[in-house]
Amino acid sequence: MAKYLFELSGENSELAIAELTALLGNTIKIIKRLQRFVLVESQLSEEKISKAMQRSALIWKASLLIKEIPSLLLDELGKVNWSFVKLPFCVRVDNLTDRPLGGIEARLAGPIFDYYVHHNEKAKVLVNLEKPRTTVLFLLAEKQNYVTKLLWKAEKARFLQREPIKKPAFHPTSLKPKLARLLINLSRAKEKQLLLDPFCGTGSILIEAAILNIMPVGIDIDSRMIKGSGTNLKFYKLNAKLQKGDALKLEKFFKSNSIDAIATDPPYGRSTFVGARSLKSLYKNFLKSAHKVLKPKRYLALLYPHYVKVKSLTDKRHWRITFESEMYVHGGLTRKFLVLQKY
């Protein structure tokens, strides 16, 4: 059983932990929270952890815990088995304390040099800050310090080229790619599985799903949105099945129990009810229709505005609420996340 350390997005740690759990399933046990970091136990290999994190939205780093040490004194650093370090290497530090860190990375690299000199006097110890084979990542906390091997780190601009403003078919209500990716992960859709977005708009969720090698299907009652989705998918050289249709009548387009996952962001304009008498009617009838086509025990991840009481519209005989959270947008809007599992 290995221990892994994850750095979570500062935007919403609750959502980040939910995403982590959705990606890794029952294979992890959370041991400790350290501000924006979480320490877990898992039987998963380093390779599987790294692969799972590549599709994350709100995880910044994943590393393998090598050793916990009470201090950074040379005696404690000398107890670490540095054989995991492949050359060239570099040392990085995340600091959760108020301790000054001037020159600490170079100082912490010293014991690693000493290890290689002691075990192989002819070893050519190299440091490469840009392209190291091993990044030794230290997390400094108040009562304990953590020596880890970095497995994966998110690229800062990984979603930049898919922001709504970058897409040829732009709509002001388009979902940002990071939130689209998060919804997909919360729906627990896996590679090659069928993921449905019944309010696909200009295709934000479809694009992220296709990038993850998931099979996306988009439905929208507005033919202009279907055309916009097609334009955007083509722009990114991706494919998805598109269908003009009513999200309140999904059974007309899909067989019962045929969809692996649903991830969607229904329209939330107070005056835009899209085929329903009211927003309340829209959500209630959508959930009823979605239940017919989703496979048993599978998940629906929903993003909606705070002023719609979706929980009260959810038939508890058909759905189990597995997660709920919220994210502040601006003074007039807080967006809520709801993950439902079909009974």
C-alpha atoms as a PDB file:
ATOM      1  CA  MET A   1       0.000   0.000   0.000  1.00  0.00           C
ATOM      2  CA  ALA A   2       1.576   3.258  -1.152  1.00  0.00           C
ATOM      3  CA  LYS A   3       0.899   6.798   0.037  1.00  0.00           C
ATOM      4  CA  TYR A   4       0.357   9.658  -2.380  1.00  0.00           C
ATOM      5  CA  LEU A   5       0.232  13.395  -1.877  1.00  0.00           C
ATOM      6  CA  PHE A   6      -2.023  15.561  -4.032  1.00  0.00           C
ATOM      7  CA  GLU A   7      -2.072  19.330  -4.310  1.00  0.00           C
ATOM      8  CA  LEU A   8      -5.609  20.587  -4.849  1.00  0.00           C
ATOM      9  CA  SER A   9      -6.844  23.647  -6.639  1.00  0.00           C
ATOM     10  CA  GLY A  10      -7.323  26.619  -4.377  1.00  0.00           C
ATOM     11  CA  GLU A  11     -10.621  27.413  -6.082  1.00  0.00           C
ATOM     12  CA  ASN A  12     -12.630  24.791  -4.223  1.00  0.00           C
ATOM     13  CA  SER A  13     -10.933  22.000  -2.265  1.00  0.00           C
ATOM     14  CA  GLU A  14     -14.250  20.227  -1.650  1.00  0.00           C
ATOM     15  CA  LEU A  15     -14.845  19.920  -5.396  1.00  0.00           C
ATOM     16  CA  ALA A  16     -11.229  18.889  -5.959  1.00  0.00           C
ATOM     17  CA  ILE A  17     -11.512  16.049  -3.428  1.00  0.00           C
ATOM     18  CA  ALA A  18     -14.773  14.933  -5.052  1.00  0.00           C
ATOM     19  CA  GLU A  19     -13.013  14.866  -8.415  1.00  0.00           C
ATOM     20  CA  LEU A  20     -10.073  12.934  -6.945  1.00  0.00           C
ATOM     21  CA  THR A  21     -12.466  10.366  -5.469  1.00  0.00           C
ATOM     22  CA  ALA A  22     -14.379  10.090  -8.748  1.00  0.00           C
ATOM     23  CA  LEU A  23     -11.172   9.512 -10.719  1.00  0.00           C
ATOM     24  CA  LEU A  24      -9.603   6.998  -8.332  1.00  0.00           C
ATOM     25  CA  GLY A  25     -12.770   5.428  -6.914  1.00  0.00           C
ATOM     26  CA  ASN A  26     -12.665   3.190  -3.873  1.00  0.00           C
ATOM     27  CA  THR A  27      -8.942   2.589  -4.343  1.00  0.00           C
ATOM     28  CA  ILE A  28      -7.993   5.474  -2.062  1.00  0.00           C
ATOM     29  CA  LYS A  29      -8.314   6.259   1.618  1.00  0.00           C
ATOM     30  CA  ILE A  30      -7.798   9.842   2.719  1.00  0.00           C
ATOM     31  CA  ILE A  31      -5.390   9.949   5.659  1.00  0.00           C
ATOM     32  CA  LYS A  32      -4.751  13.620   6.237  1.00  0.00           C
ATOM     33  CA  ARG A  33      -5.601  17.120   5.015  1.00  0.00           C
ATOM     34  CA  LEU A  34      -2.783  19.684   4.974  1.00  0.00           C
ATOM     35  CA  GLN A  35      -4.336  22.953   3.808  1.00  0.00           C
ATOM     36  CA  ARG A  36      -4.486  22.613   0.009  1.00  0.00           C
ATOM     37  CA  PHE A  37      -2.825  19.171   0.101  1.00  0.00           C
ATOM     38  CA  VAL A  38      -4.330  15.772   0.817  1.00  0.00           C
ATOM     39  CA  LEU A  39      -2.450  12.583   1.762  1.00  0.00           C
ATOM     40  CA  VAL A  40      -4.020   9.286   0.709  1.00  0.00           C
ATOM     41  CA  GLU A  41      -3.332   5.550   0.779  1.00  0.00           C
ATOM     42  CA  SER A  42      -3.873   3.506  -2.358  1.00  0.00           C
ATOM     43  CA  GLN A  43      -2.951   0.201  -3.965  1.00  0.00           C
ATOM     44  CA  LEU A  44      -2.778   1.876  -7.369  1.00  0.00           C
ATOM     45  CA  SER A  45       0.584   2.019  -9.118  1.00  0.00           C
ATOM     46  CA  GLU A  46       2.440   5.247  -9.824  1.00  0.00           C
ATOM     47  CA  GLU A  47       1.603   4.848 -13.509  1.00  0.00           C
ATOM     48  CA  LYS A  48      -2.147   4.544 -12.877  1.00  0.00           C
ATOM     49  CA  ILE A  49      -2.129   7.529 -10.547  1.00  0.00           C
ATOM     50  CA  SER A  50      -0.328   9.623 -13.166  1.00  0.00           C
ATOM     51  CA  LYS A  51      -2.678   8.544 -15.939  1.00  0.00           C
ATOM     52  CA  ALA A  52      -5.771   9.342 -13.883  1.00  0.00           C
ATOM     53  CA  MET A  53      -4.457  12.793 -12.997  1.00  0.00           C
ATOM     54  CA  GLN A  54      -3.878  13.676 -16.645  1.00  0.00           C
ATOM     55  CA  ARG A  55      -7.629  14.075 -17.058  1.00  0.00           C
ATOM     56  CA  SER A  56      -8.185  16.083 -13.871  1.00  0.00           C
ATOM     57  CA  ALA A  57      -9.435  19.665 -13.707  1.00  0.00           C
ATOM     58  CA  LEU A  58      -8.801  20.733 -10.116  1.00  0.00           C
ATOM     59  CA  ILE A  59      -5.665  18.759  -9.171  1.00  0.00           C
ATOM     60  CA  TRP A  60      -2.318  20.534  -9.527  1.00  0.00           C
ATOM     61  CA  LYS A  61       0.227  17.895  -8.479  1.00  0.00           C
ATOM     62  CA  ALA A  62       0.488  14.215  -7.611  1.00  0.00           C
ATOM     63  CA  SER A  63       3.519  12.703  -5.897  1.00  0.00           C
ATOM     64  CA  LEU A  64       4.584   9.469  -4.237  1.00  0.00           C
ATOM     65  CA  LEU A  65       5.397   9.776  -0.539  1.00  0.00           C
ATOM     66  CA  ILE A  66       8.919   8.529   0.152  1.00  0.00           C
ATOM     67  CA  LYS A  67       9.294   9.407   3.825  1.00  0.00           C
ATOM     68  CA  GLU A  68       7.933  11.646   6.573  1.00  0.00           C
ATOM     69  CA  ILE A  69      10.624  13.382   8.621  1.00  0.00           C
ATOM     70  CA  PRO A  70      10.192  15.595  11.705  1.00  0.00           C
ATOM     71  CA  SER A  71      12.872  18.109  10.683  1.00  0.00           C
ATOM     72  CA  LEU A  72      15.199  19.074   7.852  1.00  0.00           C
ATOM     73  CA  LEU A  73      18.357  18.476   9.888  1.00  0.00           C
ATOM     74  CA  LEU A  74      21.084  16.498   8.148  1.00  0.00           C
ATOM     75  CA  ASP A  75      20.609  13.572  10.535  1.00  0.00           C
ATOM     76  CA  GLU A  76      16.975  13.192   9.399  1.00  0.00           C
ATOM     77  CA  LEU A  77      17.738  13.751   5.718  1.00  0.00           C
ATOM     78  CA  GLY A  78      20.448  11.108   5.985  1.00  0.00           C
ATOM     79  CA  LYS A  79      17.820   8.517   6.944  1.00  0.00           C
ATOM     80  CA  VAL A  80      16.059   8.877   3.581  1.00  0.00           C
ATOM     81  CA  ASN A  81      16.801   6.194   0.994  1.00  0.00           C
ATOM     82  CA  TRP A  82      17.568   8.322  -2.072  1.00  0.00           C
ATOM     83  CA  SER A  83      17.831   5.378  -4.447  1.00  0.00           C
ATOM     84  CA  PHE A  84      14.530   6.394  -6.059  1.00  0.00           C
ATOM     85  CA  VAL A  85      16.253   9.452  -7.558  1.00  0.00           C
ATOM     86  CA  LYS A  86      17.175   9.043 -11.229  1.00  0.00           C
ATOM     87  CA  LEU A  87      19.693  11.460 -12.690  1.00  0.00           C
ATOM     88  CA  PRO A  88      19.533  14.249 -13.599  1.00  0.00           C
ATOM     89  CA  PHE A  89      17.284  15.501 -10.789  1.00  0.00           C
ATOM     90  CA  CYS A  90      16.033  18.683  -9.189  1.00  0.00           C
ATOM     91  CA  VAL A  91      14.601  19.656  -5.814  1.00  0.00           C
ATOM     92  CA  ARG A  92      11.426  21.706  -5.346  1.00  0.00           C
ATOM     93  CA  VAL A  93       9.763  22.871  -2.125  1.00  0.00           C
ATOM     94  CA  ASP A  94       6.166  23.659  -1.163  1.00  0.00           C
ATOM     95  CA  ASN A  95       6.070  25.552   2.109  1.00  0.00           C
ATOM     96  CA  LEU A  96       3.046  25.586   4.426  1.00  0.00           C
ATOM     97  CA  THR A  97       4.956  27.295   7.230  1.00  0.00           C
ATOM     98  CA  ASP A  98       6.279  30.773   7.990  1.00  0.00           C
ATOM     99  CA  ARG A  99       9.871  29.566   7.996  1.00  0.00           C
ATOM    100  CA  PRO A 100      12.296  31.502   5.719  1.00  0.00           C
ATOM    101  CA  LEU A 101      13.448  29.408   2.763  1.00  0.00           C
ATOM    102  CA  GLY A 102      16.426  31.236   1.320  1.00  0.00           C
ATOM    103  CA  GLY A 103      18.604  28.744  -0.576  1.00  0.00           C
ATOM    104  CA  ILE A 104      16.750  25.748   0.859  1.00  0.00           C
ATOM    105  CA  GLU A 105      16.440  23.823  -2.422  1.00  0.00           C
ATOM    106  CA  ALA A 106      20.214  23.764  -2.896  1.00  0.00           C
ATOM    107  CA  ARG A 107      20.689  22.741   0.738  1.00  0.00           C
ATOM    108  CA  LEU A 108      18.184  19.905   0.446  1.00  0.00           C
ATOM    109  CA  ALA A 109      19.929  18.654  -2.698  1.00  0.00           C
ATOM    110  CA  GLY A 110      23.126  18.141  -0.667  1.00  0.00           C
ATOM    111  CA  PRO A 111      22.193  14.784   0.905  1.00  0.00           C
ATOM    112  CA  ILE A 112      21.254  13.441  -2.534  1.00  0.00           C
ATOM    113  CA  PHE A 113      24.697  14.348  -3.868  1.00  0.00           C
ATOM    114  CA  ASP A 114      26.254  12.723  -0.797  1.00  0.00           C
ATOM    115  CA  TYR A 115      24.221   9.550  -1.374  1.00  0.00           C
ATOM    116  CA  TYR A 116      25.499   9.136  -4.939  1.00  0.00           C
ATOM    117  CA  VAL A 117      29.073   9.975  -4.047  1.00  0.00           C
ATOM    118  CA  HIS A 118      28.988   7.423  -1.213  1.00  0.00           C
ATOM    119  CA  HIS A 119      27.467   4.645  -3.336  1.00  0.00           C
ATOM    120  CA  ASN A 120      29.366   5.323  -6.530  1.00  0.00           C
ATOM    121  CA  GLU A 121      32.345   7.630  -6.442  1.00  0.00           C
ATOM    122  CA  LYS A 122      32.433   7.759 -10.251  1.00  0.00           C
ATOM    123  CA  ALA A 123      28.778   8.746 -10.560  1.00  0.00           C
ATOM    124  CA  LYS A 124      28.331  11.963 -12.498  1.00  0.00           C
ATOM    125  CA  VAL A 125      25.695  13.712 -10.412  1.00  0.00           C
ATOM    126  CA  LEU A 126      23.747  16.149 -12.534  1.00  0.00           C
ATOM    127  CA  VAL A 127      21.045  18.661 -11.724  1.00  0.00           C
ATOM    128  CA  ASN A 128      18.634  19.726 -14.436  1.00  0.00           C
ATOM    129  CA  LEU A 129      16.012  22.245 -13.392  1.00  0.00           C
ATOM    130  CA  GLU A 130      14.179  22.194 -16.736  1.00  0.00           C
ATOM    131  CA  LYS A 131      14.040  18.502 -17.670  1.00  0.00           C
ATOM    132  CA  PRO A 132      14.897  16.348 -14.636  1.00  0.00           C
ATOM    133  CA  ARG A 133      14.296  12.618 -14.664  1.00  0.00           C
ATOM    134  CA  THR A 134      13.281  12.908 -11.009  1.00  0.00           C
ATOM    135  CA  THR A 135      11.823  15.881  -9.187  1.00  0.00           C
ATOM    136  CA  VAL A 136      12.231  15.503  -5.433  1.00  0.00           C
ATOM    137  CA  LEU A 137       9.371  17.486  -3.935  1.00  0.00           C
ATOM    138  CA  PHE A 138       9.461  18.508  -0.284  1.00  0.00           C
ATOM    139  CA  LEU A 139       6.286  19.599   1.479  1.00  0.00           C
ATOM    140  CA  LEU A 140       7.089  21.534   4.636  1.00  0.00           C
ATOM    141  CA  ALA A 141       4.363  21.576   7.303  1.00  0.00           C
ATOM    142  CA  GLU A 142       4.317  22.783  10.906  1.00  0.00           C
ATOM    143  CA  LYS A 143       4.754  19.416  12.623  1.00  0.00           C
ATOM    144  CA  GLN A 144       6.043  17.170   9.846  1.00  0.00           C
ATOM    145  CA  ASN A 145       7.885  17.331   6.542  1.00  0.00           C
ATOM    146  CA  TYR A 146       7.189  15.109   3.548  1.00  0.00           C
ATOM    147  CA  VAL A 147       9.760  13.859   1.053  1.00  0.00           C
ATOM    148  CA  THR A 148       8.022  12.884  -2.177  1.00  0.00           C
ATOM    149  CA  LYS A 149       8.724  11.989  -5.792  1.00  0.00           C
ATOM    150  CA  LEU A 150       6.741  14.138  -8.208  1.00  0.00           C
ATOM    151  CA  LEU A 151       4.670  11.975 -10.555  1.00  0.00           C
ATOM    152  CA  TRP A 152       2.578  14.555 -12.381  1.00  0.00           C
ATOM    153  CA  LYS A 153       2.123  18.303 -12.525  1.00  0.00           C
ATOM    154  CA  ALA A 154      -0.622  20.187 -14.341  1.00  0.00           C
ATOM    155  CA  GLU A 155       0.355  22.516 -17.152  1.00  0.00           C
ATOM    156  CA  LYS A 156      -0.757  26.044 -16.297  1.00  0.00           C
ATOM    157  CA  ALA A 157      -2.194  26.798 -19.741  1.00  0.00           C
ATOM    158  CA  ARG A 158      -3.699  23.382 -20.469  1.00  0.00           C
ATOM    159  CA  PHE A 159      -7.239  24.764 -20.948  1.00  0.00           C
ATOM    160  CA  LEU A 160      -6.336  28.140 -22.423  1.00  0.00           C
ATOM    161  CA  GLN A 161      -6.817  27.291 -26.098  1.00  0.00           C
ATOM    162  CA  ARG A 162     -10.321  25.959 -25.435  1.00  0.00           C
ATOM    163  CA  GLU A 163     -11.692  28.940 -23.533  1.00  0.00           C
ATOM    164  CA  PRO A 164     -15.056  30.068 -24.981  1.00  0.00           C
ATOM    165  CA  ILE A 165     -13.550  33.200 -26.551  1.00  0.00           C
ATOM    166  CA  LYS A 166     -11.079  31.043 -28.497  1.00  0.00           C
ATOM    167  CA  LYS A 167     -13.798  29.002 -30.194  1.00  0.00           C
ATOM    168  CA  PRO A 168     -15.150  29.938 -33.625  1.00  0.00           C
ATOM    169  CA  ALA A 169     -18.747  29.388 -32.500  1.00  0.00           C
ATOM    170  CA  PHE A 170     -18.922  31.625 -29.424  1.00  0.00           C
ATOM    171  CA  HIS A 171     -21.831  31.936 -27.004  1.00  0.00           C
ATOM    172  CA  PRO A 172     -21.671  34.045 -23.810  1.00  0.00           C
ATOM    173  CA  THR A 173     -23.087  31.244 -21.653  1.00  0.00           C
ATOM    174  CA  SER A 174     -20.613  28.630 -22.891  1.00  0.00           C
ATOM    175  CA  LEU A 175     -19.104  26.508 -20.139  1.00  0.00           C
ATOM    176  CA  LYS A 176     -15.400  27.010 -19.467  1.00  0.00           C
ATOM    177  CA  PRO A 177     -13.296  23.943 -20.338  1.00  0.00           C
ATOM    178  CA  LYS A 178     -12.101  23.402 -16.769  1.00  0.00           C
ATOM    179  CA  LEU A 179     -15.680  23.167 -15.464  1.00  0.00           C
ATOM    180  CA  ALA A 180     -16.670  20.974 -18.412  1.00  0.00           C
ATOM    181  CA  ARG A 181     -13.790  18.615 -17.575  1.00  0.00           C
ATOM    182  CA  LEU A 182     -14.806  18.618 -13.909  1.00  0.00           C
ATOM    183  CA  LEU A 183     -18.406  17.668 -14.727  1.00  0.00           C
ATOM    184  CA  ILE A 184     -17.204  14.807 -16.922  1.00  0.00           C
ATOM    185  CA  ASN A 185     -14.981  13.492 -14.146  1.00  0.00           C
ATOM    186  CA  LEU A 186     -17.754  13.789 -11.567  1.00  0.00           C
ATOM    187  CA  SER A 187     -19.967  11.718 -13.903  1.00  0.00           C
ATOM    188  CA  ARG A 188     -17.309   8.960 -13.738  1.00  0.00           C
ATOM    189  CA  ALA A 189     -17.330   8.479 -17.508  1.00  0.00           C
ATOM    190  CA  LYS A 190     -14.507   6.208 -18.648  1.00  0.00           C
ATOM    191  CA  GLU A 191     -12.673   5.819 -21.949  1.00  0.00           C
ATOM    192  CA  LYS A 192     -14.799   4.358 -24.759  1.00  0.00           C
ATOM    193  CA  GLN A 193     -17.992   4.839 -22.730  1.00  0.00           C
ATOM    194  CA  LEU A 194     -21.002   6.787 -23.978  1.00  0.00           C
ATOM    195  CA  LEU A 195     -21.382  10.199 -22.357  1.00  0.00           C
ATOM    196  CA  LEU A 196     -24.462  12.300 -23.018  1.00  0.00           C
ATOM    197  CA  ASP A 197     -24.826  16.073 -22.746  1.00  0.00           C
ATOM    198  CA  PRO A 198     -28.555  16.733 -23.292  1.00  0.00           C
ATOM    199  CA  PHE A 199     -28.086  20.542 -23.317  1.00  0.00           C
ATOM    200  CA  CYS A 200     -24.881  20.586 -25.334  1.00  0.00           C
ATOM    201  CA  GLY A 201     -24.935  24.228 -26.451  1.00  0.00           C
ATOM    202  CA  THR A 202     -21.732  24.975 -28.361  1.00  0.00           C
ATOM    203  CA  GLY A 203     -20.077  21.763 -27.232  1.00  0.00           C
ATOM    204  CA  SER A 204     -17.775  22.503 -24.271  1.00  0.00           C
ATOM    205  CA  ILE A 205     -18.486  19.178 -22.557  1.00  0.00           C
ATOM    206  CA  LEU A 206     -18.382  17.262 -25.841  1.00  0.00           C
ATOM    207  CA  ILE A 207     -14.948  18.685 -26.684  1.00  0.00           C
ATOM    208  CA  GLU A 208     -13.429  17.764 -23.316  1.00  0.00           C
ATOM    209  CA  ALA A 209     -14.972  14.284 -23.457  1.00  0.00           C
ATOM    210  CA  ALA A 210     -13.582  13.635 -26.934  1.00  0.00           C
ATOM    211  CA  ILE A 211     -10.103  14.711 -25.784  1.00  0.00           C
ATOM    212  CA  LEU A 212     -10.367  12.125 -22.991  1.00  0.00           C
ATOM    213  CA  ASN A 213     -11.233   9.388 -25.516  1.00  0.00           C
ATOM    214  CA  ILE A 214     -14.806   9.185 -24.214  1.00  0.00           C
ATOM    215  CA  MET A 215     -17.613   8.801 -26.764  1.00  0.00           C
ATOM    216  CA  PRO A 216     -19.649  12.047 -26.552  1.00  0.00           C
ATOM    217  CA  VAL A 217     -23.227  12.514 -27.687  1.00  0.00           C
ATOM    218  CA  GLY A 218     -24.766  15.973 -27.730  1.00  0.00           C
ATOM    219  CA  ILE A 219     -28.412  16.953 -27.915  1.00  0.00           C
ATOM    220  CA  ASP A 220     -29.876  20.447 -28.064  1.00  0.00           C
ATOM    221  CA  ILE A 221     -33.324  21.710 -28.947  1.00  0.00           C
ATOM    222  CA  ASP A 222     -31.792  24.695 -30.761  1.00  0.00           C
ATOM    223  CA  SER A 223     -30.449  23.827 -34.205  1.00  0.00           C
ATOM    224  CA  ARG A 224     -28.106  26.842 -34.010  1.00  0.00           C
ATOM    225  CA  MET A 225     -26.423  25.299 -30.995  1.00  0.00           C
ATOM    226  CA  ILE A 226     -26.046  21.969 -32.774  1.00  0.00           C
ATOM    227  CA  LYS A 227     -24.411  23.787 -35.673  1.00  0.00           C
ATOM    228  CA  GLY A 228     -22.136  25.656 -33.246  1.00  0.00           C
ATOM    229  CA  SER A 229     -21.103  22.388 -31.580  1.00  0.00           C
ATOM    230  CA  GLY A 230     -20.237  20.927 -34.954  1.00  0.00           C
ATOM    231  CA  THR A 231     -18.168  23.971 -35.880  1.00  0.00           C
ATOM    232  CA  ASN A 232     -16.222  23.891 -32.624  1.00  0.00           C
ATOM    233  CA  LEU A 233     -15.602  20.153 -32.743  1.00  0.00           C
ATOM    234  CA  LYS A 234     -14.301  20.461 -36.294  1.00  0.00           C
ATOM    235  CA  PHE A 235     -12.052  23.358 -35.237  1.00  0.00           C
ATOM    236  CA  TYR A 236     -10.338  21.130 -32.648  1.00  0.00           C
ATOM    237  CA  LYS A 237     -10.374  18.109 -35.000  1.00  0.00           C
ATOM    238  CA  LEU A 238     -12.623  16.105 -32.684  1.00  0.00           C
ATOM    239  CA  ASN A 239     -15.726  14.007 -33.212  1.00  0.00           C
ATOM    240  CA  ALA A 240     -19.032  13.629 -31.408  1.00  0.00           C
ATOM    241  CA  LYS A 241     -22.504  12.492 -32.327  1.00  0.00           C
ATOM    242  CA  LEU A 242     -24.895  15.450 -32.538  1.00  0.00           C
ATOM    243  CA  GLN A 243     -28.691  15.362 -32.560  1.00  0.00           C
ATOM    244  CA  LYS A 244     -31.283  18.138 -32.562  1.00  0.00           C
ATOM    245  CA  GLY A 245     -33.768  17.076 -29.921  1.00  0.00           C
ATOM    246  CA  ASP A 246     -35.586  17.688 -26.671  1.00  0.00           C
ATOM    247  CA  ALA A 247     -33.705  16.892 -23.451  1.00  0.00           C
ATOM    248  CA  LEU A 248     -37.066  16.281 -21.788  1.00  0.00           C
ATOM    249  CA  LYS A 249     -37.792  13.391 -24.157  1.00  0.00           C
ATOM    250  CA  LEU A 250     -34.492  11.517 -24.283  1.00  0.00           C
ATOM    251  CA  GLU A 251     -36.266   8.179 -24.544  1.00  0.00           C
ATOM    252  CA  LYS A 252     -37.141   9.120 -28.135  1.00  0.00           C
ATOM    253  CA  PHE A 253     -33.474   9.057 -29.096  1.00  0.00           C
ATOM    254  CA  PHE A 254     -31.950   6.393 -26.850  1.00  0.00           C
ATOM    255  CA  LYS A 255     -32.866   2.951 -25.639  1.00  0.00           C
ATOM    256  CA  SER A 256     -33.594   2.422 -21.975  1.00  0.00           C
ATOM    257  CA  ASN A 257     -30.481   1.907 -19.823  1.00  0.00           C
ATOM    258  CA  SER A 258     -28.105   2.643 -22.716  1.00  0.00           C
ATOM    259  CA  ILE A 259     -26.106   5.687 -21.568  1.00  0.00           C
ATOM    260  CA  ASP A 260     -22.983   5.248 -19.411  1.00  0.00           C
ATOM    261  CA  ALA A 261     -22.830   8.784 -18.006  1.00  0.00           C
ATOM    262  CA  ILE A 262     -24.550  12.167 -18.234  1.00  0.00           C
ATOM    263  CA  ALA A 263     -22.777  15.483 -17.695  1.00  0.00           C
ATOM    264  CA  THR A 264     -24.593  18.714 -18.439  1.00  0.00           C
ATOM    265  CA  ASP A 265     -25.062  22.404 -17.759  1.00  0.00           C
ATOM    266  CA  PRO A 266     -28.705  23.253 -18.566  1.00  0.00           C
ATOM    267  CA  PRO A 267     -29.588  26.804 -19.620  1.00  0.00           C
ATOM    268  CA  TYR A 268     -30.067  28.971 -16.559  1.00  0.00           C
ATOM    269  CA  GLY A 269     -31.483  32.228 -17.921  1.00  0.00           C
ATOM    270  CA  ARG A 270     -34.598  33.025 -15.910  1.00  0.00           C
ATOM    271  CA  SER A 271     -36.576  33.648 -19.101  1.00  0.00           C
ATOM    272  CA  THR A 272     -35.128  30.772 -21.133  1.00  0.00           C
ATOM    273  CA  PHE A 273     -37.005  27.582 -20.359  1.00  0.00           C
ATOM    274  CA  VAL A 274     -36.136  25.646 -23.534  1.00  0.00           C
ATOM    275  CA  GLY A 275     -39.146  23.490 -24.201  1.00  0.00           C
ATOM    276  CA  ALA A 276     -40.660  23.722 -20.696  1.00  0.00           C
ATOM    277  CA  ARG A 277     -43.178  25.974 -18.967  1.00  0.00           C
ATOM    278  CA  SER A 278     -40.663  27.025 -16.313  1.00  0.00           C
ATOM    279  CA  LEU A 279     -37.193  26.253 -15.009  1.00  0.00           C
ATOM    280  CA  LYS A 280     -38.768  24.059 -12.342  1.00  0.00           C
ATOM    281  CA  SER A 281     -40.594  22.081 -15.006  1.00  0.00           C
ATOM    282  CA  LEU A 282     -37.433  21.901 -17.129  1.00  0.00           C
ATOM    283  CA  TYR A 283     -35.316  20.285 -14.422  1.00  0.00           C
ATOM    284  CA  LYS A 284     -38.037  18.003 -13.102  1.00  0.00           C
ATOM    285  CA  ASN A 285     -38.886  16.561 -16.506  1.00  0.00           C
ATOM    286  CA  PHE A 286     -35.245  16.361 -17.564  1.00  0.00           C
ATOM    287  CA  LEU A 287     -34.374  14.252 -14.511  1.00  0.00           C
ATOM    288  CA  LYS A 288     -37.343  12.010 -15.201  1.00  0.00           C
ATOM    289  CA  SER A 289     -36.267  11.473 -18.818  1.00  0.00           C
ATOM    290  CA  ALA A 290     -32.568  11.071 -17.938  1.00  0.00           C
ATOM    291  CA  HIS A 291     -33.443   8.292 -15.504  1.00  0.00           C
ATOM    292  CA  LYS A 292     -34.968   6.267 -18.330  1.00  0.00           C
ATOM    293  CA  VAL A 293     -31.883   6.248 -20.548  1.00  0.00           C
ATOM    294  CA  LEU A 294     -29.047   6.127 -18.010  1.00  0.00           C
ATOM    295  CA  LYS A 295     -27.687   2.718 -17.057  1.00  0.00           C
ATOM    296  CA  PRO A 296     -28.404   1.490 -13.501  1.00  0.00           C
ATOM    297  CA  LYS A 297     -25.852   2.528 -10.851  1.00  0.00           C
ATOM    298  CA  ARG A 298     -24.374   5.109 -13.229  1.00  0.00           C
ATOM    299  CA  TYR A 299     -24.014   8.846 -12.601  1.00  0.00           C
ATOM    300  CA  LEU A 300     -25.436  12.177 -13.702  1.00  0.00           C
ATOM    301  CA  ALA A 301     -23.354  15.299 -12.969  1.00  0.00           C
ATOM    302  CA  LEU A 302     -25.301  18.533 -13.120  1.00  0.00           C
ATOM    303  CA  LEU A 303     -24.343  22.199 -12.889  1.00  0.00           C
ATOM    304  CA  TYR A 304     -27.160  24.621 -12.140  1.00  0.00           C
ATOM    305  CA  PRO A 305     -27.898  28.075 -10.672  1.00  0.00           C
ATOM    306  CA  HIS A 306     -28.541  28.530  -6.957  1.00  0.00           C
ATOM    307  CA  TYR A 307     -32.071  29.816  -7.464  1.00  0.00           C
ATOM    308  CA  VAL A 308     -33.293  26.484  -8.869  1.00  0.00           C
ATOM    309  CA  LYS A 309     -34.084  24.040  -6.040  1.00  0.00           C
ATOM    310  CA  VAL A 310     -33.016  20.934  -7.938  1.00  0.00           C
ATOM    311  CA  LYS A 311     -32.704  18.751  -4.836  1.00  0.00           C
ATOM    312  CA  SER A 312     -36.401  19.205  -4.102  1.00  0.00           C
ATOM    313  CA  LEU A 313     -37.204  18.216  -7.699  1.00  0.00           C
ATOM    314  CA  THR A 314     -35.177  15.004  -7.500  1.00  0.00           C
ATOM    315  CA  ASP A 315     -37.236  11.849  -7.108  1.00  0.00           C
ATOM    316  CA  LYS A 316     -35.519  10.047  -4.228  1.00  0.00           C
ATOM    317  CA  ARG A 317     -37.020   6.744  -5.395  1.00  0.00           C
ATOM    318  CA  HIS A 318     -34.991   6.996  -8.608  1.00  0.00           C
ATOM    319  CA  TRP A 319     -31.849   8.882  -7.607  1.00  0.00           C
ATOM    320  CA  ARG A 320     -29.303   8.840  -4.806  1.00  0.00           C
ATOM    321  CA  ILE A 321     -27.513  12.114  -4.147  1.00  0.00           C
ATOM    322  CA  THR A 322     -23.796  11.289  -3.902  1.00  0.00           C
ATOM    323  CA  PHE A 323     -22.291  14.769  -3.873  1.00  0.00           C
ATOM    324  CA  GLU A 324     -23.283  18.428  -3.811  1.00  0.00           C
ATOM    325  CA  SER A 325     -21.277  21.626  -3.673  1.00  0.00           C
ATOM    326  CA  GLU A 326     -21.275  25.167  -4.997  1.00  0.00           C
ATOM    327  CA  MET A 327     -19.005  27.729  -6.616  1.00  0.00           C
ATOM    328  CA  TYR A 328     -19.451  31.474  -6.363  1.00  0.00           C
ATOM    329  CA  VAL A 329     -19.508  33.210  -9.766  1.00  0.00           C
ATOM    330  CA  HIS A 330     -20.521  36.812  -9.080  1.00  0.00           C
ATOM    331  CA  GLY A 331     -22.901  38.840  -6.914  1.00  0.00           C
ATOM    332  CA  GLY A 332     -26.015  37.548  -8.618  1.00  0.00           C
ATOM    333  CA  LEU A 333     -25.054  33.957  -9.262  1.00  0.00           C
ATOM    334  CA  THR A 334     -23.699  30.948  -7.407  1.00  0.00           C
ATOM    335  CA  ARG A 335     -23.483  27.759  -9.444  1.00  0.00           C
ATOM    336  CA  LYS A 336     -24.239  24.478  -7.733  1.00  0.00           C
ATOM    337  CA  PHE A 337     -22.929  21.003  -8.491  1.00  0.00           C
ATOM    338  CA  LEU A 338     -25.070  17.933  -7.969  1.00  0.00           C
ATOM    339  CA  VAL A 339     -24.048  14.328  -8.659  1.00  0.00           C
ATOM    340  CA  LEU A 340     -26.810  11.737  -8.756  1.00  0.00           C
ATOM    341  CA  GLN A 341     -26.553   7.973  -8.988  1.00  0.00           C
ATOM    342  CA  LYS A 342     -29.392   6.066 -10.591  1.00  0.00           C
ATOM    343  CA  TYR A 343     -31.038   3.406  -8.461  1.00  0.00           C
END
